[in-house]
Protein backbone atom coordinates (compact mmCIF):
# COMPACT_ATOMS: atom_id res chain seq x y z
CA UNK A 1 7.65 98.96 -16.02
CA UNK A 2 5.18 101.04 -17.72
CA UNK A 3 8.20 103.87 -17.59
CA UNK A 4 10.76 101.70 -18.87
CA UNK A 5 8.03 100.53 -21.37
CA UNK A 6 7.22 103.92 -22.64
CA UNK A 7 11.80 104.71 -22.91
CA UNK A 8 12.10 100.97 -24.92
CA UNK A 9 9.52 102.48 -27.77
CA UNK A 10 10.49 106.08 -27.52
CA UNK A 11 14.57 103.89 -28.60
CA UNK A 12 12.88 102.11 -31.31
CA UNK A 13 10.81 104.75 -33.40
CA UNK A 14 14.34 106.14 -34.00
CA UNK A 15 16.79 102.76 -34.09
CA UNK A 16 19.17 103.28 -37.20
CA UNK A 17 17.93 107.17 -37.85
CA UNK A 18 19.96 109.82 -37.47
CA UNK A 19 16.84 112.10 -34.80
CA UNK A 20 18.92 115.79 -35.95
CA UNK A 21 17.59 114.75 -39.54
CA UNK A 22 14.41 114.73 -38.68
CA UNK A 23 11.67 116.87 -39.52
CA UNK A 24 8.57 116.90 -37.30
CA UNK A 25 5.72 117.29 -39.47
CA UNK A 26 2.72 116.16 -37.56
CA UNK A 27 1.01 118.73 -37.61
CA UNK A 28 -0.04 118.17 -41.34
CA UNK A 29 -1.48 115.07 -40.72
CA UNK A 30 -5.08 115.11 -41.45
CA UNK A 31 -7.73 113.30 -38.02
CA UNK A 32 -9.61 110.26 -40.01
CA UNK A 33 -13.29 111.09 -40.34
CA UNK A 34 -15.33 109.03 -37.99
CA UNK A 35 -15.76 105.54 -39.20
CA UNK A 36 -19.32 105.77 -40.72
CA UNK A 37 -20.52 102.36 -41.17
CA UNK A 38 -21.53 99.43 -39.91
CA UNK A 39 -18.41 96.76 -38.76
CA UNK A 40 -17.84 93.71 -41.23
CA UNK A 41 -15.57 91.51 -41.53
CA UNK A 42 -14.19 90.89 -44.88
CA UNK A 43 -16.01 88.20 -46.94
CA UNK A 44 -14.74 84.40 -46.71
CA UNK A 45 -14.42 85.63 -43.33
CA UNK A 46 -16.14 85.28 -39.65
CA UNK A 47 -16.06 84.45 -36.51
CA UNK A 48 -14.28 81.32 -36.68
CA UNK A 49 -10.63 83.40 -37.64
CA UNK A 50 -11.05 85.12 -34.70
CA UNK A 51 -8.17 84.14 -31.76
CA UNK A 52 -9.29 85.47 -28.97
CA UNK A 53 -6.51 87.00 -25.91
CA UNK A 54 -8.94 87.09 -23.29
CA UNK A 55 -12.03 84.11 -23.94
CA UNK A 56 -13.88 85.03 -20.52
CA UNK A 57 -14.95 88.04 -22.31
CA UNK A 58 -16.90 86.95 -25.19
CA UNK A 59 -15.92 88.73 -28.82
CA UNK A 60 -19.58 90.91 -30.43
CA UNK A 61 -21.22 89.17 -33.50
CA UNK A 62 -20.78 90.60 -37.08
CA UNK A 63 -22.11 90.42 -40.21
CA UNK A 64 -20.06 89.04 -43.22
CA UNK A 65 -19.62 91.19 -46.41
CA UNK A 66 -21.19 88.87 -49.47
CA UNK A 67 -18.59 88.67 -51.80
CA UNK A 68 -15.76 86.47 -53.31
CA UNK A 69 -12.70 86.84 -51.56
CA UNK A 70 -9.96 90.10 -51.15
CA UNK A 71 -7.14 89.15 -53.04
CA UNK A 72 -4.20 91.08 -52.52
CA UNK A 73 -2.09 91.69 -56.05
CA UNK A 74 1.08 89.88 -55.93
CA UNK A 75 4.74 92.63 -54.99
CA UNK A 76 6.54 92.16 -58.24
CA UNK A 77 10.58 92.51 -57.01
CA UNK A 78 12.67 93.99 -59.18
């Protein structure tokens, strides 16, 4: 199954693309710096917002950032 899944995902990656026109630019993609801060929920989120796939394993206790809930500006269509 893993082999078939890998092959299917490789096909989906380029679905609708002409692979001869693609350029491999992975050499210029930077490796992100390691995360240094403590892990916290965004403001207004908490443990109750976590939907666990495996409730047998306890989700770690995480603090919530203080402040107003994060907002995302609307995307205006053209």
